[in-house]
């Protein structure tokens, strides 16, 4: 069993923004694994399927980025997946656009969505896949930056990164976080 969570903000006004690359990755995985997401209990969109005989649940919280913890906590309770099998995918301004990094757990790195998940679960030991969105913004303009769309040239790089990230998730599903980190970090 595995729960793959992509962080983002719901609504058409946020579609295609830097902050929503976690949602974009879930959409890519949904296509690759032929898993349809449907409205869950009001806190998320959820879909279940299988990969190599392993049950996979895809999740997109609808609680907005900074309140993702409640949705993830509820989904873990609903699916019965252990925290160590809950991969959370999110944007990261500390990585160049298009770079990906996997981690087995740890601090939030200043990401408010991850902070809320850590606070809700009272645990840091869940794997993460970070997708770099760069940090080309002026002091005090971070919110505007993450809520804006990629440039055309950046979108090409992000589309390639999402393909690589989806392959990293599939390897995580096959062999765990260490195997995925060894290949993709």
N, C-alpha and C. Protein backbone atom coordinates (compact mmCIF):
# COMPACT_ATOMS: atom_id res chain seq x y z
N UNK A 1 0.84 -1.18 0.00
CA UNK A 1 0.00 0.00 0.00
C UNK A 1 0.88 1.24 0.00
N UNK A 2 0.41 2.28 -0.67
CA UNK A 2 1.11 3.55 -0.65
C UNK A 2 0.12 4.67 -0.93
N UNK A 3 0.32 5.78 -0.23
CA UNK A 3 -0.46 6.98 -0.44
C UNK A 3 0.47 8.03 -1.04
N UNK A 4 0.15 8.51 -2.23
CA UNK A 4 0.95 9.53 -2.90
C UNK A 4 0.15 10.82 -2.88
N UNK A 5 0.68 11.83 -2.20
CA UNK A 5 -0.01 13.11 -2.02
C UNK A 5 0.71 14.18 -2.83
N UNK A 6 -0.04 14.93 -3.60
CA UNK A 6 0.51 16.10 -4.29
C UNK A 6 -0.09 17.35 -3.68
N UNK A 7 0.77 18.28 -3.26
CA UNK A 7 0.28 19.50 -2.63
C UNK A 7 0.02 20.58 -3.67
N UNK A 8 -0.98 21.39 -3.39
CA UNK A 8 -1.34 22.50 -4.28
C UNK A 8 -2.54 23.22 -3.71
N UNK A 9 -3.04 24.16 -4.48
CA UNK A 9 -4.24 24.90 -4.11
C UNK A 9 -5.36 24.56 -5.08
N UNK A 10 -6.58 24.36 -4.58
CA UNK A 10 -7.70 24.05 -5.47
C UNK A 10 -8.19 25.29 -6.21
N UNK A 11 -8.85 25.08 -7.32
CA UNK A 11 -9.45 26.18 -8.06
C UNK A 11 -8.72 26.50 -9.34
N UNK A 12 -9.48 26.93 -10.33
CA UNK A 12 -8.89 27.22 -11.65
C UNK A 12 -7.90 28.37 -11.60
N UNK A 13 -8.06 29.28 -10.65
CA UNK A 13 -7.14 30.42 -10.57
C UNK A 13 -5.72 29.99 -10.18
N UNK A 14 -5.56 28.80 -9.62
CA UNK A 14 -4.24 28.31 -9.22
C UNK A 14 -3.67 27.28 -10.19
N UNK A 15 -4.47 26.83 -11.13
CA UNK A 15 -4.01 25.82 -12.09
C UNK A 15 -2.83 26.38 -12.89
N UNK A 16 -1.78 25.59 -12.98
CA UNK A 16 -0.60 26.01 -13.74
C UNK A 16 0.35 26.91 -13.00
N UNK A 17 0.11 27.15 -11.70
CA UNK A 17 1.04 27.98 -10.94
C UNK A 17 2.18 27.13 -10.37
N UNK A 18 3.24 27.80 -9.99
CA UNK A 18 4.41 27.11 -9.46
C UNK A 18 4.06 26.30 -8.21
N UNK A 19 3.20 26.84 -7.38
CA UNK A 19 2.83 26.19 -6.12
C UNK A 19 2.06 24.89 -6.35
N UNK A 20 1.55 24.68 -7.55
CA UNK A 20 0.70 23.52 -7.82
C UNK A 20 1.41 22.39 -8.55
N UNK A 21 2.73 22.37 -8.55
CA UNK A 21 3.42 21.27 -9.25
C UNK A 21 3.14 19.92 -8.58
N UNK A 22 2.82 19.91 -7.31
CA UNK A 22 2.43 18.65 -6.66
C UNK A 22 1.14 18.10 -7.25
N UNK A 23 0.16 18.98 -7.48
CA UNK A 23 -1.08 18.57 -8.15
C UNK A 23 -0.78 18.07 -9.56
N UNK A 24 0.12 18.80 -10.26
CA UNK A 24 0.47 18.42 -11.64
C UNK A 24 1.07 17.01 -11.68
N UNK A 25 1.89 16.70 -10.67
CA UNK A 25 2.49 15.37 -10.62
C UNK A 25 1.42 14.30 -10.38
N UNK A 26 0.48 14.57 -9.52
CA UNK A 26 -0.61 13.61 -9.29
C UNK A 26 -1.41 13.41 -10.58
N UNK A 27 -1.64 14.48 -11.33
CA UNK A 27 -2.34 14.34 -12.62
C UNK A 27 -1.57 13.44 -13.57
N UNK A 28 -0.25 13.60 -13.61
CA UNK A 28 0.59 12.76 -14.48
C UNK A 28 0.53 11.30 -14.03
N UNK A 29 0.64 11.07 -12.73
CA UNK A 29 0.55 9.70 -12.21
C UNK A 29 -0.83 9.10 -12.45
N UNK A 30 -1.85 9.92 -12.33
CA UNK A 30 -3.21 9.47 -12.60
C UNK A 30 -3.33 8.95 -14.03
N UNK A 31 -2.73 9.66 -14.97
CA UNK A 31 -2.73 9.22 -16.37
C UNK A 31 -1.92 7.94 -16.55
N UNK A 32 -0.71 7.91 -15.99
CA UNK A 32 0.18 6.75 -16.15
C UNK A 32 -0.40 5.48 -15.54
N UNK A 33 -1.06 5.62 -14.40
CA UNK A 33 -1.56 4.46 -13.68
C UNK A 33 -3.05 4.20 -13.94
N UNK A 34 -3.65 5.02 -14.79
CA UNK A 34 -5.08 4.90 -15.11
C UNK A 34 -5.94 4.90 -13.84
N UNK A 35 -5.64 5.86 -12.96
CA UNK A 35 -6.39 6.03 -11.72
C UNK A 35 -7.20 7.32 -11.84
N UNK A 36 -8.49 7.21 -11.66
CA UNK A 36 -9.38 8.37 -11.71
C UNK A 36 -9.56 8.94 -10.31
N UNK A 37 -9.37 10.24 -10.19
CA UNK A 37 -9.58 10.90 -8.91
C UNK A 37 -11.01 11.43 -8.84
N UNK A 38 -11.61 11.27 -7.67
CA UNK A 38 -12.97 11.75 -7.42
C UNK A 38 -12.99 12.52 -6.11
N UNK A 39 -13.98 13.39 -5.96
CA UNK A 39 -14.12 14.14 -4.72
C UNK A 39 -14.28 13.17 -3.56
N UNK A 40 -13.46 13.37 -2.53
CA UNK A 40 -13.53 12.52 -1.35
C UNK A 40 -14.55 13.08 -0.38
N UNK A 41 -14.13 13.25 0.85
CA UNK A 41 -15.04 13.68 1.92
C UNK A 41 -15.07 15.20 2.09
N UNK A 42 -14.73 15.93 1.06
CA UNK A 42 -14.69 17.38 1.15
C UNK A 42 -13.31 17.92 1.44
N UNK A 43 -12.38 17.05 1.82
CA UNK A 43 -11.02 17.49 2.13
C UNK A 43 -10.04 17.20 1.00
N UNK A 44 -10.43 16.36 0.05
CA UNK A 44 -9.48 15.97 -0.99
C UNK A 44 -10.17 15.31 -2.17
N UNK A 45 -9.40 15.25 -3.28
CA UNK A 45 -9.73 14.36 -4.40
C UNK A 45 -8.88 13.12 -4.20
N UNK A 46 -9.45 11.95 -4.44
CA UNK A 46 -8.77 10.69 -4.15
C UNK A 46 -9.08 9.68 -5.24
N UNK A 47 -8.10 8.85 -5.52
CA UNK A 47 -8.29 7.75 -6.47
C UNK A 47 -7.43 6.57 -6.06
N UNK A 48 -7.94 5.37 -6.29
CA UNK A 48 -7.21 4.16 -5.92
C UNK A 48 -7.02 3.27 -7.13
N UNK A 49 -5.89 2.59 -7.15
CA UNK A 49 -5.58 1.65 -8.21
C UNK A 49 -4.45 0.75 -7.78
N UNK A 50 -3.78 0.15 -8.75
CA UNK A 50 -2.68 -0.77 -8.46
C UNK A 50 -1.51 -0.52 -9.40
N UNK A 51 -0.32 -0.78 -8.88
CA UNK A 51 0.90 -0.76 -9.67
C UNK A 51 1.73 -1.96 -9.24
N UNK A 52 1.99 -2.86 -10.17
CA UNK A 52 2.75 -4.08 -9.85
C UNK A 52 2.15 -4.79 -8.65
N UNK A 53 0.87 -4.93 -8.63
CA UNK A 53 0.08 -5.60 -7.59
C UNK A 53 0.08 -4.88 -6.24
N UNK A 54 0.65 -3.67 -6.20
CA UNK A 54 0.64 -2.89 -4.97
C UNK A 54 -0.50 -1.87 -5.04
N UNK A 55 -1.29 -1.78 -3.97
CA UNK A 55 -2.37 -0.79 -3.92
C UNK A 55 -1.77 0.60 -3.83
N UNK A 56 -2.26 1.50 -4.68
CA UNK A 56 -1.78 2.88 -4.72
C UNK A 56 -2.98 3.81 -4.59
N UNK A 57 -2.85 4.79 -3.71
CA UNK A 57 -3.87 5.82 -3.56
C UNK A 57 -3.23 7.16 -3.91
N UNK A 58 -3.87 7.90 -4.82
CA UNK A 58 -3.42 9.24 -5.19
C UNK A 58 -4.33 10.25 -4.51
N UNK A 59 -3.74 11.36 -4.05
CA UNK A 59 -4.50 12.32 -3.26
C UNK A 59 -4.11 13.75 -3.61
N UNK A 60 -5.11 14.60 -3.79
CA UNK A 60 -4.93 16.04 -3.95
C UNK A 60 -5.80 16.74 -2.90
N UNK A 61 -5.18 17.27 -1.83
CA UNK A 61 -5.97 17.97 -0.81
C UNK A 61 -6.68 19.19 -1.40
N UNK A 62 -7.88 19.46 -0.92
CA UNK A 62 -8.63 20.65 -1.35
C UNK A 62 -8.71 21.68 -0.22
N UNK A 63 -7.81 21.55 0.73
CA UNK A 63 -7.81 22.40 1.92
C UNK A 63 -6.91 23.62 1.78
N UNK A 64 -6.36 23.84 0.61
CA UNK A 64 -5.34 24.84 0.34
C UNK A 64 -4.02 24.38 0.96
N UNK A 65 -2.96 24.84 0.32
CA UNK A 65 -1.61 24.38 0.63
C UNK A 65 -1.29 24.39 2.12
N UNK A 66 -1.51 25.53 2.76
CA UNK A 66 -1.06 25.70 4.14
C UNK A 66 -1.91 24.97 5.17
N UNK A 67 -2.95 24.28 4.72
CA UNK A 67 -3.81 23.50 5.62
C UNK A 67 -3.90 22.05 5.16
N UNK A 68 -2.84 21.56 4.55
CA UNK A 68 -2.83 20.21 3.98
C UNK A 68 -2.83 19.11 5.03
N UNK A 69 -2.42 19.41 6.24
CA UNK A 69 -2.28 18.39 7.27
C UNK A 69 -3.55 17.65 7.60
N UNK A 70 -4.66 18.36 7.69
CA UNK A 70 -5.93 17.73 8.03
C UNK A 70 -6.33 16.71 6.96
N UNK A 71 -6.14 17.07 5.69
CA UNK A 71 -6.50 16.17 4.59
C UNK A 71 -5.61 14.93 4.59
N UNK A 72 -4.31 15.12 4.79
CA UNK A 72 -3.39 13.98 4.79
C UNK A 72 -3.67 13.06 5.98
N UNK A 73 -3.90 13.65 7.14
CA UNK A 73 -4.22 12.86 8.33
C UNK A 73 -5.49 12.03 8.12
N UNK A 74 -6.51 12.66 7.57
CA UNK A 74 -7.78 11.97 7.31
C UNK A 74 -7.59 10.85 6.28
N UNK A 75 -6.82 11.12 5.24
CA UNK A 75 -6.58 10.11 4.20
C UNK A 75 -5.81 8.92 4.75
N UNK A 76 -4.81 9.17 5.58
CA UNK A 76 -4.06 8.06 6.19
C UNK A 76 -4.98 7.20 7.06
N UNK A 77 -5.86 7.85 7.81
CA UNK A 77 -6.81 7.10 8.64
C UNK A 77 -7.77 6.28 7.77
N UNK A 78 -8.17 6.85 6.64
CA UNK A 78 -9.12 6.19 5.75
C UNK A 78 -8.48 5.00 5.02
N UNK A 79 -7.23 5.17 4.56
CA UNK A 79 -6.59 4.12 3.76
C UNK A 79 -5.88 3.08 4.61
N UNK A 80 -5.48 3.45 5.83
CA UNK A 80 -4.73 2.54 6.67
C UNK A 80 -3.27 2.44 6.31
N UNK A 81 -2.80 3.30 5.40
CA UNK A 81 -1.39 3.28 5.01
C UNK A 81 -0.53 3.78 6.16
N UNK A 82 0.65 3.17 6.37
CA UNK A 82 1.56 3.70 7.38
C UNK A 82 2.18 5.01 6.90
N UNK A 83 2.58 5.86 7.83
CA UNK A 83 3.18 7.15 7.47
C UNK A 83 4.39 6.95 6.57
N UNK A 84 5.16 5.90 6.80
CA UNK A 84 6.37 5.67 6.00
C UNK A 84 6.06 5.36 4.54
N UNK A 85 4.81 5.03 4.23
CA UNK A 85 4.40 4.78 2.84
C UNK A 85 3.60 5.94 2.26
N UNK A 86 3.63 7.09 2.93
CA UNK A 86 2.93 8.28 2.46
C UNK A 86 3.94 9.24 1.85
N UNK A 87 4.04 9.25 0.54
CA UNK A 87 4.96 10.14 -0.18
C UNK A 87 4.25 11.46 -0.46
N UNK A 88 4.84 12.56 0.01
CA UNK A 88 4.27 13.88 -0.21
C UNK A 88 5.13 14.62 -1.24
N UNK A 89 4.49 15.10 -2.30
CA UNK A 89 5.17 15.75 -3.42
C UNK A 89 4.80 17.24 -3.41
N UNK A 90 5.82 18.09 -3.50
CA UNK A 90 5.56 19.53 -3.38
C UNK A 90 6.62 20.37 -4.08
N UNK A 91 6.30 21.63 -4.26
CA UNK A 91 7.22 22.60 -4.85
C UNK A 91 8.30 22.96 -3.84
N UNK A 92 9.45 23.43 -4.37
CA UNK A 92 10.53 23.85 -3.49
C UNK A 92 11.28 25.01 -4.13
N UNK A 93 11.27 26.17 -3.47
CA UNK A 93 11.97 27.34 -4.00
C UNK A 93 13.48 27.24 -3.80
N UNK A 94 13.93 26.29 -3.00
CA UNK A 94 15.35 26.15 -2.73
C UNK A 94 16.05 25.28 -3.78
N UNK A 95 15.30 24.76 -4.73
CA UNK A 95 15.87 23.98 -5.83
C UNK A 95 15.63 24.73 -7.13
N UNK A 96 16.61 24.66 -8.03
CA UNK A 96 16.44 25.26 -9.35
C UNK A 96 15.23 24.65 -10.04
N UNK A 97 14.60 25.43 -10.88
CA UNK A 97 13.42 24.95 -11.61
C UNK A 97 13.77 23.68 -12.37
N UNK A 98 12.98 22.65 -12.15
CA UNK A 98 13.17 21.39 -12.86
C UNK A 98 13.98 20.35 -12.13
N UNK A 99 14.65 20.71 -11.06
CA UNK A 99 15.40 19.72 -10.27
C UNK A 99 14.44 19.00 -9.33
N UNK A 100 14.70 17.73 -9.10
CA UNK A 100 13.90 17.00 -8.11
C UNK A 100 14.83 16.41 -7.05
N UNK A 101 14.30 16.26 -5.85
CA UNK A 101 15.03 15.63 -4.75
C UNK A 101 14.05 14.82 -3.93
N UNK A 102 14.51 13.66 -3.54
CA UNK A 102 13.73 12.79 -2.65
C UNK A 102 14.38 12.79 -1.28
N UNK A 103 13.56 12.70 -0.24
CA UNK A 103 14.04 12.62 1.14
C UNK A 103 13.20 11.60 1.88
N UNK A 104 13.79 10.92 2.86
CA UNK A 104 13.02 9.95 3.64
C UNK A 104 12.18 10.59 4.75
N UNK A 105 12.40 11.87 5.02
CA UNK A 105 11.69 12.57 6.08
C UNK A 105 12.47 13.80 6.47
N UNK A 106 12.21 14.32 7.66
CA UNK A 106 12.96 15.47 8.15
C UNK A 106 12.08 16.69 8.34
N UNK A 107 12.73 17.84 8.41
CA UNK A 107 12.02 19.09 8.68
C UNK A 107 11.24 19.55 7.46
N UNK A 108 10.51 20.63 7.64
CA UNK A 108 9.67 21.16 6.55
C UNK A 108 10.47 21.95 5.53
N UNK A 109 11.68 22.37 5.89
CA UNK A 109 12.47 23.20 4.98
C UNK A 109 11.81 24.54 4.73
N UNK A 110 10.93 24.97 5.63
CA UNK A 110 10.25 26.24 5.48
C UNK A 110 8.99 26.19 4.62
N UNK A 111 8.61 25.00 4.17
CA UNK A 111 7.40 24.87 3.34
C UNK A 111 6.18 24.76 4.25
N UNK A 112 5.26 25.71 4.14
CA UNK A 112 4.12 25.76 5.06
C UNK A 112 3.19 24.55 4.95
N UNK A 113 3.04 24.01 3.76
CA UNK A 113 2.21 22.81 3.60
C UNK A 113 2.80 21.63 4.34
N UNK A 114 4.12 21.47 4.24
CA UNK A 114 4.80 20.38 4.94
C UNK A 114 4.76 20.61 6.45
N UNK A 115 4.94 21.86 6.87
CA UNK A 115 4.84 22.19 8.29
C UNK A 115 3.49 21.78 8.85
N UNK A 116 2.42 22.06 8.11
CA UNK A 116 1.08 21.72 8.59
C UNK A 116 0.88 20.20 8.65
N UNK A 117 1.46 19.48 7.70
CA UNK A 117 1.36 18.01 7.73
C UNK A 117 2.12 17.46 8.94
N UNK A 118 3.33 17.97 9.17
CA UNK A 118 4.12 17.53 10.33
C UNK A 118 3.35 17.82 11.62
N UNK A 119 2.76 19.00 11.73
CA UNK A 119 2.00 19.36 12.92
C UNK A 119 0.78 18.45 13.10
N UNK A 120 0.08 18.16 12.02
CA UNK A 120 -1.12 17.32 12.10
C UNK A 120 -0.80 15.87 12.44
N UNK A 121 0.26 15.35 11.83
CA UNK A 121 0.63 13.95 12.06
C UNK A 121 1.48 13.76 13.31
N UNK A 122 2.05 14.87 13.81
CA UNK A 122 3.00 14.81 14.91
C UNK A 122 4.14 13.85 14.56
N UNK A 123 4.57 13.94 13.30
CA UNK A 123 5.63 13.06 12.81
C UNK A 123 6.30 13.71 11.61
N UNK A 124 7.59 13.39 11.44
CA UNK A 124 8.37 13.90 10.30
C UNK A 124 8.85 12.78 9.39
N UNK A 125 8.51 11.54 9.74
CA UNK A 125 9.10 10.38 9.06
C UNK A 125 8.28 9.91 7.87
N UNK A 126 7.86 10.86 7.03
CA UNK A 126 7.19 10.49 5.78
C UNK A 126 8.06 10.98 4.62
N UNK A 127 8.18 10.17 3.57
CA UNK A 127 9.03 10.55 2.45
C UNK A 127 8.45 11.72 1.66
N UNK A 128 9.36 12.47 1.02
CA UNK A 128 8.95 13.62 0.21
C UNK A 128 9.66 13.60 -1.12
N UNK A 129 8.98 14.13 -2.10
CA UNK A 129 9.59 14.41 -3.40
C UNK A 129 9.42 15.90 -3.62
N UNK A 130 10.55 16.59 -3.70
CA UNK A 130 10.54 18.05 -3.88
C UNK A 130 10.81 18.35 -5.35
N UNK A 131 10.04 19.25 -5.90
CA UNK A 131 10.20 19.67 -7.29
C UNK A 131 10.61 21.13 -7.29
N UNK A 132 11.80 21.40 -7.82
CA UNK A 132 12.32 22.76 -7.83
C UNK A 132 11.52 23.69 -8.73
N UNK A 133 11.22 24.87 -8.18
CA UNK A 133 10.52 25.89 -8.97
C UNK A 133 11.36 27.16 -9.08
N UNK A 134 12.60 27.13 -8.55
CA UNK A 134 13.46 28.30 -8.59
C UNK A 134 13.03 29.34 -7.57
N UNK A 135 13.79 30.44 -7.55
CA UNK A 135 13.48 31.50 -6.57
C UNK A 135 13.80 32.88 -7.14
N UNK A 136 13.36 33.11 -8.34
CA UNK A 136 13.62 34.38 -9.03
C UNK A 136 12.59 35.43 -8.63
N UNK A 137 12.65 35.85 -7.37
CA UNK A 137 11.71 36.86 -6.89
C UNK A 137 12.42 37.83 -5.97
N UNK A 138 11.88 39.03 -5.88
CA UNK A 138 12.43 40.07 -5.02
C UNK A 138 12.01 39.81 -3.58
N UNK A 139 12.76 40.39 -2.67
CA UNK A 139 12.45 40.26 -1.24
C UNK A 139 10.99 40.66 -0.99
N UNK A 140 10.28 39.80 -0.25
CA UNK A 140 8.90 40.08 0.08
C UNK A 140 7.90 39.70 -1.00
N UNK A 141 8.37 39.12 -2.10
CA UNK A 141 7.49 38.78 -3.22
C UNK A 141 7.34 37.27 -3.42
N UNK A 142 7.71 36.48 -2.43
CA UNK A 142 7.65 35.03 -2.56
C UNK A 142 6.23 34.54 -2.86
N UNK A 143 5.24 35.06 -2.17
CA UNK A 143 3.87 34.62 -2.38
C UNK A 143 3.42 34.88 -3.82
N UNK A 144 3.72 36.07 -4.33
CA UNK A 144 3.37 36.38 -5.72
C UNK A 144 4.06 35.42 -6.68
N UNK A 145 5.32 35.11 -6.38
CA UNK A 145 6.10 34.23 -7.25
C UNK A 145 5.51 32.82 -7.30
N UNK A 146 5.26 32.22 -6.14
CA UNK A 146 4.79 30.83 -6.13
C UNK A 146 3.37 30.70 -6.68
N UNK A 147 2.61 31.78 -6.63
CA UNK A 147 1.24 31.75 -7.14
C UNK A 147 1.13 32.24 -8.58
N UNK A 148 2.28 32.41 -9.24
CA UNK A 148 2.28 32.82 -10.65
C UNK A 148 2.65 31.63 -11.53
N UNK A 149 2.27 31.69 -12.81
CA UNK A 149 2.59 30.59 -13.72
C UNK A 149 4.07 30.61 -14.13
N UNK A 150 4.53 29.48 -14.62
CA UNK A 150 5.88 29.39 -15.17
C UNK A 150 5.94 30.15 -16.49
N UNK A 151 7.13 30.62 -16.83
CA UNK A 151 7.34 31.16 -18.17
C UNK A 151 7.28 29.98 -19.15
N UNK A 152 7.16 30.27 -20.43
CA UNK A 152 7.09 29.19 -21.42
C UNK A 152 8.33 28.30 -21.37
N UNK A 153 9.51 28.92 -21.25
CA UNK A 153 10.74 28.12 -21.21
C UNK A 153 10.84 27.31 -19.92
N UNK A 154 10.39 27.88 -18.80
CA UNK A 154 10.38 27.13 -17.54
C UNK A 154 9.39 25.98 -17.60
N UNK A 155 8.26 26.17 -18.26
CA UNK A 155 7.25 25.12 -18.34
C UNK A 155 7.79 23.89 -19.05
N UNK A 156 8.62 24.10 -20.06
CA UNK A 156 9.24 22.97 -20.76
C UNK A 156 10.10 22.16 -19.78
N UNK A 157 10.89 22.87 -18.98
CA UNK A 157 11.76 22.23 -17.98
C UNK A 157 10.91 21.52 -16.92
N UNK A 158 9.84 22.15 -16.48
CA UNK A 158 8.97 21.55 -15.45
C UNK A 158 8.27 20.31 -15.99
N UNK A 159 7.82 20.36 -17.24
CA UNK A 159 7.18 19.18 -17.84
C UNK A 159 8.14 17.99 -17.86
N UNK A 160 9.41 18.26 -18.19
CA UNK A 160 10.42 17.19 -18.17
C UNK A 160 10.63 16.69 -16.74
N UNK A 161 10.67 17.62 -15.78
CA UNK A 161 10.87 17.25 -14.38
C UNK A 161 9.70 16.40 -13.86
N UNK A 162 8.50 16.72 -14.29
CA UNK A 162 7.33 15.94 -13.86
C UNK A 162 7.39 14.52 -14.41
N UNK A 163 7.93 14.36 -15.60
CA UNK A 163 8.10 13.01 -16.16
C UNK A 163 9.11 12.22 -15.33
N UNK A 164 10.24 12.86 -15.01
CA UNK A 164 11.26 12.21 -14.18
C UNK A 164 10.70 11.92 -12.78
N UNK A 165 9.98 12.89 -12.22
CA UNK A 165 9.40 12.71 -10.89
C UNK A 165 8.40 11.55 -10.87
N UNK A 166 7.63 11.40 -11.93
CA UNK A 166 6.68 10.28 -11.97
C UNK A 166 7.42 8.95 -12.03
N UNK A 167 8.54 8.92 -12.75
CA UNK A 167 9.36 7.70 -12.77
C UNK A 167 9.94 7.41 -11.38
N UNK A 168 10.33 8.47 -10.67
CA UNK A 168 10.86 8.31 -9.31
C UNK A 168 9.79 7.74 -8.38
N UNK A 169 8.56 8.20 -8.53
CA UNK A 169 7.46 7.67 -7.71
C UNK A 169 7.22 6.20 -8.02
N UNK A 170 7.26 5.84 -9.30
CA UNK A 170 7.05 4.44 -9.67
C UNK A 170 8.15 3.56 -9.08
N UNK A 171 9.39 4.05 -9.06
CA UNK A 171 10.48 3.28 -8.45
C UNK A 171 10.28 3.20 -6.93
N UNK A 172 9.83 4.28 -6.31
CA UNK A 172 9.49 4.26 -4.89
C UNK A 172 8.45 3.18 -4.61
N UNK A 173 7.45 3.08 -5.46
CA UNK A 173 6.41 2.07 -5.28
C UNK A 173 6.96 0.66 -5.42
N UNK A 174 7.94 0.49 -6.30
CA UNK A 174 8.54 -0.84 -6.52
C UNK A 174 9.50 -1.23 -5.41
N UNK A 175 10.35 -0.26 -4.98
CA UNK A 175 11.44 -0.66 -4.10
C UNK A 175 11.71 0.21 -2.89
N UNK A 176 10.89 1.23 -2.65
CA UNK A 176 11.07 2.05 -1.46
C UNK A 176 11.86 3.32 -1.71
N UNK A 177 11.94 4.14 -0.67
CA UNK A 177 12.54 5.47 -0.78
C UNK A 177 14.04 5.40 -1.04
N UNK A 178 14.75 4.47 -0.41
CA UNK A 178 16.20 4.41 -0.60
C UNK A 178 16.57 4.11 -2.05
N UNK A 179 15.89 3.17 -2.65
CA UNK A 179 16.14 2.83 -4.05
C UNK A 179 15.86 4.03 -4.95
N UNK A 180 14.75 4.71 -4.71
CA UNK A 180 14.40 5.89 -5.51
C UNK A 180 15.41 7.01 -5.32
N UNK A 181 15.85 7.23 -4.08
CA UNK A 181 16.85 8.27 -3.81
C UNK A 181 18.16 7.95 -4.51
N UNK A 182 18.59 6.69 -4.45
CA UNK A 182 19.86 6.30 -5.07
C UNK A 182 19.85 6.55 -6.57
N UNK A 183 18.72 6.36 -7.22
CA UNK A 183 18.66 6.55 -8.67
C UNK A 183 18.42 8.00 -9.06
N UNK A 184 17.60 8.74 -8.32
CA UNK A 184 17.14 10.05 -8.80
C UNK A 184 17.75 11.25 -8.08
N UNK A 185 18.44 11.06 -6.95
CA UNK A 185 19.07 12.22 -6.29
C UNK A 185 20.46 12.47 -6.84
